[in-house]
Amino acid sequence: MSARLVPRAGTPDPALTELRAEVLAFLKEQIDAGVFTPGIDTWLTRWNPEFTRALAARGWVGMTIPVEYGGHGRTFMERFVVTEELLAVGAPVAAQWVADRQAAPSLLKYGTEEQKQRFLPGIAAGEICWAIGMSEPDSGSDLASVKTKATQVDGGWRISGTKLWTSGAHHADAFFGLARSAPLDPAHRHDGLSQFIVLLDSPGVTIRPILSMSGDHHFNEVLLDDVFVPDDLVLGQIGAGWEQVTSELGYERSGPERFLSTFGVLESLVHGVADGSVEADTRIGATIGRIAGLHRMSTAVSESLERGENAELAASVVKVLGTKTEGDLADLADEVAGYTAADAHLAELVRAGVMQRPGFTLRGGTSEILRGVIARGLGMR
């Protein structure tokens, strides 16, 4: 059994403090100029390609992509600082999020040289958007139960099935589609899975919107009807999809978006207490403490990923604790301020936080599934 669920975070780097100040100054300029209004859960819901390209022009997209592939060759920790500030202020970053967060690292780890040359420069330039092709109807967080089928044909594969809750698919250029490429063996459910780079403008791809209860559209159902994927768009090795997808989930689950989706609400509550428009509540201070702890934990996971370590267990811990915290924060804000807060912006943030709250503990794997992952990692099951 490991002595620590999450590795210890290292000593703060002064250079990262300078980078953080640079990002904060840029974001203040953008807000003051009216480029965007801070929001809630913006890494999922707010697409602004122009803002993404502005970030890319400053070298803040594709930061960890090597220079030879159009990136900037910077560290995971430099990227962590930039993304943390973007999330904290509620910037509209959905257009680059999945591509930068997990598509690029997966391409670097498993992609062919041709795939790297084809996709990574566009990701770094903020020109290529990516979605996630994992979840399916009736599967929940049990990825081993996917029913999407890949059949080998001359020159490639034919893929048929349905992907669900595919955020941003109506904007995205591609996703990694997880499919069963060999018959299911009930005794070895994780075998026979493969990943494919599915171009979402391919014949046979149909994208249907799923509207949230607020009327917003960021979720989608993606139907794959005999979609042809050439051999040169197979990601990694046929049959190694489970290992690859769990590696990808390490990037998806561990980042600061797992506890900062509602940070703007917390900041507004603190300002409201300071100016007397929100009643002081000890739970606000307790939430600040939880966020501080999660910041350290997420920092440690980013450092672990930078060292090339397997961070699946630690990422699951951050995800479970982080999404619980951001959901609790939305509920707290609703209780102490509500939709009728004196500050109109705070009222809108509260409304958005409550509307988005049901999805926090679902996306990236439900809390129930991840508790099982953690228990297994500790040798308890």
Protein backbone atom coordinates (compact mmCIF):
# COMPACT_ATOMS: atom_id res chain seq x y z
CA MET A 1 0.00 0.00 0.00
CA SER A 2 1.33 3.44 -0.93
CA ALA A 3 2.23 5.74 1.96
CA ARG A 4 0.59 8.69 0.20
CA LEU A 5 -2.55 8.89 -1.90
CA VAL A 6 -1.22 12.06 -3.54
CA PRO A 7 2.50 12.83 -3.92
CA ARG A 8 4.01 15.70 -1.98
CA ALA A 9 4.12 19.04 -3.81
CA GLY A 10 7.54 20.57 -4.40
CA THR A 11 8.95 23.96 -3.43
CA PRO A 12 7.30 26.92 -5.25
CA ASP A 13 9.32 28.26 -8.18
CA PRO A 14 9.73 32.09 -8.27
CA ALA A 15 9.63 31.97 -12.07
CA LEU A 16 6.12 30.57 -11.88
CA THR A 17 5.08 33.52 -9.71
CA GLU A 18 6.24 35.88 -12.46
CA LEU A 19 4.32 33.91 -15.08
CA ARG A 20 1.20 34.00 -12.91
CA ALA A 21 1.44 37.79 -12.63
CA GLU A 22 1.81 38.06 -16.41
CA VAL A 23 -1.31 35.98 -16.99
CA LEU A 24 -3.31 37.95 -14.41
CA ALA A 25 -2.35 41.24 -16.08
CA PHE A 26 -3.41 39.93 -19.49
CA LEU A 27 -6.75 38.70 -18.17
CA LYS A 28 -7.47 42.02 -16.49
CA GLU A 29 -6.82 43.78 -19.79
CA GLN A 30 -9.20 41.40 -21.59
CA ILE A 31 -11.98 41.88 -19.03
CA ASP A 32 -11.54 45.65 -18.94
CA ALA A 33 -11.71 45.73 -22.74
CA GLY A 34 -14.97 43.78 -22.68
CA VAL A 35 -13.54 40.76 -24.49
CA PHE A 36 -15.29 38.45 -22.03
CA THR A 37 -17.32 38.49 -18.85
CA PRO A 38 -16.13 36.08 -16.14
CA GLY A 39 -18.38 33.07 -15.82
CA ILE A 40 -18.87 29.63 -14.27
CA ASP A 41 -17.70 26.30 -15.70
CA THR A 42 -16.30 28.15 -18.71
CA TRP A 43 -13.83 25.42 -19.67
CA LEU A 44 -16.89 23.38 -20.67
CA THR A 45 -19.49 25.95 -21.71
CA ARG A 46 -17.82 29.06 -23.15
CA TRP A 47 -16.40 28.76 -26.67
CA ASN A 48 -14.51 31.78 -27.93
CA PRO A 49 -12.12 30.85 -30.76
CA GLU A 50 -10.79 34.40 -31.01
CA PHE A 51 -9.81 34.40 -27.34
CA THR A 52 -8.21 30.97 -27.77
CA ARG A 53 -6.14 32.26 -30.68
CA ALA A 54 -5.11 35.27 -28.59
CA LEU A 55 -3.86 32.91 -25.88
CA ALA A 56 -2.06 30.84 -28.50
CA ALA A 57 -0.36 33.96 -29.85
CA ARG A 58 1.11 34.52 -26.38
CA GLY A 59 2.30 30.91 -26.20
CA TRP A 60 -0.30 29.84 -23.64
CA VAL A 61 -1.89 27.06 -25.69
CA GLY A 62 0.13 23.95 -26.48
CA MET A 63 2.65 24.96 -23.85
CA THR A 64 3.95 21.43 -23.23
CA ILE A 65 4.01 20.47 -26.93
CA PRO A 66 7.63 20.29 -28.15
CA VAL A 67 8.84 23.10 -30.39
CA GLU A 68 9.33 20.73 -33.34
CA TYR A 69 5.56 20.16 -33.36
CA GLY A 70 4.62 23.83 -33.19
CA GLY A 71 4.44 24.04 -29.41
CA HIS A 72 6.53 25.86 -26.85
CA GLY A 73 8.39 23.12 -25.00
CA ARG A 74 7.42 24.43 -21.59
CA THR A 75 6.79 22.47 -18.42
CA PHE A 76 3.59 20.97 -17.01
CA MET A 77 3.93 23.35 -14.08
CA GLU A 78 4.05 26.41 -16.34
CA ARG A 79 0.94 25.15 -18.06
CA PHE A 80 -0.67 24.50 -14.66
CA VAL A 81 -0.14 28.13 -13.61
CA VAL A 82 -1.68 29.48 -16.82
CA THR A 83 -4.69 27.17 -16.76
CA GLU A 84 -5.31 27.79 -13.07
CA GLU A 85 -5.57 31.55 -13.61
CA LEU A 86 -7.77 31.12 -16.69
CA LEU A 87 -10.13 28.94 -14.68
CA ALA A 88 -10.12 31.10 -11.58
CA VAL A 89 -11.22 34.15 -13.52
CA GLY A 90 -13.76 32.21 -15.59
CA ALA A 91 -12.27 32.84 -19.03
CA PRO A 92 -13.91 31.33 -22.16
CA VAL A 93 -11.45 28.50 -22.83
CA ALA A 94 -13.66 25.61 -24.01
CA ALA A 95 -12.41 25.89 -27.59
CA GLN A 96 -8.91 24.70 -26.68
CA TRP A 97 -9.52 22.79 -23.47
CA VAL A 98 -9.76 19.13 -24.44
CA ALA A 99 -7.26 19.45 -27.27
CA ASP A 100 -4.66 21.06 -25.03
CA ARG A 101 -5.40 19.11 -21.85
CA GLN A 102 -5.50 15.53 -23.10
CA ALA A 103 -5.43 15.17 -26.89
CA ALA A 104 -1.96 16.67 -27.21
CA PRO A 105 -0.33 14.58 -24.43
CA SER A 106 -1.97 11.43 -25.78
CA LEU A 107 -0.75 12.15 -29.31
CA LEU A 108 2.75 12.74 -27.97
CA LYS A 109 2.67 9.48 -26.02
CA TYR A 110 0.88 7.17 -28.46
CA GLY A 111 0.64 8.94 -31.81
CA THR A 112 2.65 8.21 -34.91
CA GLU A 113 5.05 10.79 -36.28
CA GLU A 114 2.56 11.54 -39.05
CA GLN A 115 -0.24 12.08 -36.52
CA LYS A 116 1.91 14.40 -34.45
CA GLN A 117 2.85 16.48 -37.47
CA ARG A 118 -0.75 16.57 -38.64
CA PHE A 119 -2.52 17.63 -35.45
CA LEU A 120 -0.15 19.11 -32.86
CA PRO A 121 0.75 22.37 -34.68
CA GLY A 122 -2.96 23.17 -35.13
CA ILE A 123 -3.65 22.46 -31.46
CA ALA A 124 -0.81 24.75 -30.39
CA ALA A 125 -2.10 27.49 -32.69
CA GLY A 126 -5.58 27.25 -31.23
CA GLU A 127 -6.94 26.19 -34.62
CA ILE A 128 -7.88 22.56 -33.88
CA CYS A 129 -10.62 21.68 -31.38
CA TRP A 130 -11.05 18.24 -29.84
CA ALA A 131 -13.85 16.38 -28.05
CA ILE A 132 -13.98 13.19 -25.96
CA GLY A 133 -15.32 9.98 -27.49
CA MET A 134 -15.67 7.80 -24.40
CA SER A 135 -19.12 7.84 -22.75
CA GLU A 136 -22.01 5.87 -24.22
CA PRO A 137 -25.71 5.28 -23.50
CA ASP A 138 -26.27 2.74 -20.70
CA SER A 139 -22.55 2.65 -19.88
CA GLY A 140 -22.16 5.42 -17.32
CA SER A 141 -18.56 5.49 -16.12
CA ASP A 142 -17.99 1.81 -16.96
CA LEU A 143 -15.83 2.33 -20.03
CA ALA A 144 -15.19 -1.39 -20.38
CA SER A 145 -18.86 -1.81 -21.29
CA VAL A 146 -18.69 0.33 -24.46
CA LYS A 147 -20.68 -1.10 -27.34
CA THR A 148 -19.24 0.98 -30.17
CA LYS A 149 -17.78 -1.55 -32.57
CA ALA A 150 -14.73 -1.27 -34.85
CA THR A 151 -14.54 -3.73 -37.75
CA GLN A 152 -11.37 -4.06 -39.79
CA VAL A 153 -11.70 -3.51 -43.54
CA ASP A 154 -9.28 -2.86 -46.40
CA GLY A 155 -7.16 0.14 -45.47
CA GLY A 156 -8.74 0.83 -42.12
CA TRP A 157 -11.72 0.30 -39.85
CA ARG A 158 -15.48 0.80 -39.94
CA ILE A 159 -16.87 2.19 -36.67
CA SER A 160 -20.51 2.09 -35.58
CA GLY A 161 -22.02 3.12 -32.28
CA THR A 162 -23.11 6.10 -30.20
CA LYS A 163 -21.15 8.45 -27.97
CA LEU A 164 -23.01 10.52 -25.39
CA TRP A 165 -22.44 13.72 -23.35
CA THR A 166 -19.83 14.69 -25.94
CA SER A 167 -19.12 18.28 -24.91
CA GLY A 168 -18.32 20.60 -27.78
CA ALA A 169 -18.64 17.95 -30.51
CA HIS A 170 -20.63 20.42 -32.64
CA HIS A 171 -17.55 22.67 -32.69
CA ALA A 172 -14.79 20.05 -32.59
CA ASP A 173 -12.68 18.72 -35.43
CA ALA A 174 -12.04 15.26 -33.99
CA PHE A 175 -12.12 12.98 -30.97
CA PHE A 176 -10.44 9.81 -29.80
CA GLY A 177 -13.18 7.23 -30.19
CA LEU A 178 -12.96 4.26 -27.83
CA ALA A 179 -14.37 1.18 -29.54
CA ARG A 180 -14.38 -2.58 -29.18
CA SER A 181 -12.14 -4.00 -31.90
CA ALA A 182 -12.41 -7.63 -30.74
CA PRO A 183 -15.30 -9.64 -29.31
CA LEU A 184 -15.98 -9.14 -25.61
CA ASP A 185 -14.39 -11.69 -23.30
CA PRO A 186 -16.43 -11.50 -20.05
CA ALA A 187 -13.43 -12.74 -18.08
CA HIS A 188 -11.17 -10.00 -19.53
CA ARG A 189 -13.47 -7.04 -20.18
CA HIS A 190 -10.63 -4.56 -20.62
CA ASP A 191 -9.11 -6.48 -23.53
CA GLY A 192 -10.10 -5.89 -27.13
CA LEU A 193 -10.55 -2.11 -26.88
CA SER A 194 -8.86 0.36 -29.22
CA GLN A 195 -8.76 4.10 -29.82
CA PHE A 196 -9.31 5.78 -33.16
CA ILE A 197 -8.91 9.39 -34.29
CA VAL A 198 -12.40 10.08 -35.65
CA LEU A 199 -12.69 13.20 -37.81
CA LEU A 200 -16.10 14.61 -36.97
CA ASP A 201 -16.81 15.80 -40.51
CA SER A 202 -16.51 12.22 -41.79
CA PRO A 203 -19.41 10.64 -43.71
CA GLY A 204 -21.59 8.71 -41.29
CA VAL A 205 -21.08 11.07 -38.33
CA THR A 206 -24.27 12.70 -37.03
CA ILE A 207 -24.13 15.15 -34.11
CA ARG A 208 -27.32 15.80 -32.19
CA PRO A 209 -27.58 18.50 -29.51
CA ILE A 210 -28.47 17.71 -25.90
CA LEU A 211 -29.85 20.81 -24.19
CA SER A 212 -29.27 21.33 -20.47
CA MET A 213 -32.12 22.35 -18.18
CA SER A 214 -31.02 25.97 -18.63
CA GLY A 215 -31.45 25.65 -22.40
CA ASP A 216 -27.71 25.81 -23.03
CA HIS A 217 -26.09 23.58 -25.63
CA HIS A 218 -22.67 22.12 -24.98
CA PHE A 219 -23.50 18.40 -24.65
CA ASN A 220 -24.11 16.24 -27.72
CA GLU A 221 -24.99 12.76 -28.87
CA VAL A 222 -22.65 11.57 -31.62
CA LEU A 223 -23.89 8.77 -33.84
CA LEU A 224 -21.27 6.81 -35.78
CA ASP A 225 -22.84 4.93 -38.69
CA ASP A 226 -20.22 2.78 -40.45
CA VAL A 227 -17.67 5.60 -40.23
CA PHE A 228 -14.43 4.80 -42.04
CA VAL A 229 -11.21 5.48 -40.14
CA PRO A 230 -8.02 4.78 -42.12
CA ASP A 231 -5.22 2.77 -40.58
CA ASP A 232 -3.10 5.90 -40.26
CA LEU A 233 -5.64 7.33 -37.77
CA VAL A 234 -5.50 4.43 -35.33
CA LEU A 235 -4.16 5.85 -32.05
CA GLY A 236 -1.48 3.67 -30.52
CA GLN A 237 -1.87 -0.09 -30.69
CA ILE A 238 -4.98 -2.07 -31.60
CA GLY A 239 -6.15 -3.79 -28.42
CA ALA A 240 -4.30 -1.39 -26.11
CA GLY A 241 -7.20 1.03 -25.78
CA TRP A 242 -7.81 0.43 -22.08
CA GLU A 243 -4.25 1.28 -21.07
CA GLN A 244 -4.29 4.32 -23.33
CA VAL A 245 -7.65 5.67 -22.20
CA THR A 246 -6.78 5.34 -18.50
CA SER A 247 -3.58 7.27 -19.17
CA GLU A 248 -5.67 9.95 -20.90
CA LEU A 249 -8.02 10.09 -17.91
CA GLY A 250 -5.07 10.97 -15.69
CA TYR A 251 -4.86 14.29 -17.53
CA GLU A 252 -8.63 14.74 -17.54
CA ARG A 253 -9.20 14.13 -13.84
CA SER A 254 -6.31 15.87 -12.13
CA GLY A 255 -6.37 19.43 -13.41
CA PRO A 256 -7.52 22.59 -11.64
CA GLU A 257 -10.81 22.51 -13.56
CA ARG A 258 -11.83 19.81 -11.07
CA PHE A 259 -12.06 22.33 -8.24
CA LEU A 260 -12.11 25.80 -9.84
CA SER A 261 -15.25 25.58 -12.01
CA THR A 262 -17.17 27.70 -9.49
CA PHE A 263 -14.27 29.74 -8.11
CA GLY A 264 -15.80 32.99 -9.39
CA VAL A 265 -18.70 32.44 -7.00
CA LEU A 266 -16.32 32.15 -4.05
CA GLU A 267 -14.45 35.29 -5.02
CA SER A 268 -17.71 37.22 -5.37
CA LEU A 269 -18.95 35.95 -2.00
CA VAL A 270 -15.75 37.16 -0.33
CA HIS A 271 -16.14 40.61 -1.92
CA GLY A 272 -19.78 40.62 -0.87
CA VAL A 273 -18.87 39.92 2.74
CA ALA A 274 -16.26 42.69 2.59
CA ASP A 275 -18.73 45.31 1.34
CA GLY A 276 -21.61 44.10 3.51
CA SER A 277 -23.90 42.88 0.73
CA VAL A 278 -23.44 39.22 1.77
CA GLU A 279 -23.76 38.03 5.35
CA ALA A 280 -20.55 36.62 6.80
CA ASP A 281 -20.57 32.83 7.07
CA THR A 282 -17.85 30.60 8.49
CA ARG A 283 -18.47 28.09 5.69
CA ILE A 284 -17.02 30.60 3.21
CA GLY A 285 -13.72 30.51 5.09
CA ALA A 286 -13.85 26.72 5.32
CA THR A 287 -14.32 26.53 1.54
CA ILE A 288 -11.28 28.74 1.01
CA GLY A 289 -9.31 26.22 3.07
CA ARG A 290 -10.59 23.34 0.94
CA ILE A 291 -9.63 25.16 -2.27
CA ALA A 292 -6.13 25.86 -0.90
CA GLY A 293 -5.65 22.18 -0.10
CA LEU A 294 -6.89 21.11 -3.53
CA HIS A 295 -4.53 23.60 -5.16
CA ARG A 296 -1.60 21.88 -3.45
CA MET A 297 -2.86 18.43 -4.37
CA SER A 298 -3.45 19.32 -8.01
CA THR A 299 -0.03 20.97 -8.13
CA ALA A 300 1.53 17.75 -6.86
CA VAL A 301 -0.23 15.68 -9.53
CA SER A 302 0.98 18.04 -12.26
CA GLU A 303 4.52 17.67 -10.95
CA SER A 304 4.07 13.90 -10.99
CA LEU A 305 2.86 13.96 -14.61
CA GLU A 306 5.85 16.09 -15.53
CA ARG A 307 8.10 13.36 -14.13
CA GLY A 308 6.33 10.83 -16.34
CA GLU A 309 4.80 8.97 -13.39
CA ASN A 310 1.48 7.13 -13.33
CA ALA A 311 -0.90 9.57 -11.65
CA GLU A 312 -4.18 7.67 -12.08
CA LEU A 313 -4.77 7.10 -8.36
CA ALA A 314 -3.81 10.61 -7.26
CA ALA A 315 -5.83 12.15 -10.10
CA SER A 316 -8.89 10.20 -8.98
CA VAL A 317 -8.49 11.55 -5.44
CA VAL A 318 -8.24 15.15 -6.69
CA LYS A 319 -11.26 14.64 -8.93
CA VAL A 320 -13.50 13.19 -6.20
CA LEU A 321 -12.59 15.84 -3.62
CA GLY A 322 -12.49 18.69 -6.12
CA THR A 323 -15.87 18.18 -7.76
CA LYS A 324 -17.48 17.73 -4.33
CA THR A 325 -15.99 21.06 -3.27
CA GLU A 326 -17.09 23.04 -6.32
CA GLY A 327 -20.59 21.59 -6.00
CA ASP A 328 -20.76 22.41 -2.30
CA LEU A 329 -19.66 25.94 -3.15
CA ALA A 330 -22.52 26.36 -5.63
CA ASP A 331 -24.99 25.18 -2.99
CA LEU A 332 -23.48 27.47 -0.34
CA ALA A 333 -23.69 30.48 -2.63
CA ASP A 334 -27.32 29.67 -3.41
CA GLU A 335 -28.07 29.55 0.32
CA VAL A 336 -26.28 32.71 1.44
CA ALA A 337 -26.78 34.89 -1.65
CA GLY A 338 -29.17 33.23 -4.10
CA TYR A 339 -30.43 34.38 -7.48
CA THR A 340 -31.62 37.66 -5.91
CA ALA A 341 -28.22 38.81 -4.65
CA ALA A 342 -27.78 42.58 -4.59
CA ASP A 343 -24.85 42.21 -6.98
CA ALA A 344 -26.34 41.24 -10.35
CA HIS A 345 -23.13 39.55 -11.47
CA LEU A 346 -23.02 37.45 -8.31
CA ALA A 347 -26.68 36.48 -8.84
CA GLU A 348 -25.86 35.32 -12.38
CA LEU A 349 -22.83 33.34 -11.17
CA VAL A 350 -24.96 31.66 -8.50
CA ARG A 351 -27.60 30.75 -11.08
CA ALA A 352 -24.99 29.32 -13.45
CA GLY A 353 -23.28 27.40 -10.65
CA VAL A 354 -26.52 25.76 -9.52
CA MET A 355 -27.48 24.91 -13.10
CA GLN A 356 -24.13 23.27 -13.81
CA ARG A 357 -23.83 21.59 -10.43
CA PRO A 358 -25.45 18.23 -11.33
CA GLY A 359 -22.70 17.48 -13.82
CA PHE A 360 -19.71 18.19 -11.58
CA THR A 361 -19.47 14.73 -10.00
CA LEU A 362 -20.42 12.90 -13.22
CA ARG A 363 -18.00 14.06 -15.90
CA GLY A 364 -14.61 12.43 -16.00
CA GLY A 365 -16.04 9.46 -14.10
CA THR A 366 -18.68 9.44 -11.39
CA SER A 367 -17.59 9.77 -7.78
CA GLU A 368 -18.96 6.28 -7.09
CA ILE A 369 -16.77 4.73 -9.80
CA LEU A 370 -13.72 6.72 -8.75
CA ARG A 371 -14.06 5.66 -5.13
CA GLY A 372 -13.80 2.12 -6.49
CA VAL A 373 -10.70 3.10 -8.48
CA ILE A 374 -9.14 4.55 -5.33
CA ALA A 375 -10.03 1.48 -3.26
CA ARG A 376 -8.50 -0.78 -5.89
CA GLY A 377 -5.37 1.37 -6.01
CA LEU A 378 -5.03 0.96 -2.25
CA GLY A 379 -5.41 -2.81 -2.50
CA MET A 380 -8.80 -2.75 -0.75
CA ARG A 381 -10.74 -4.55 -3.52
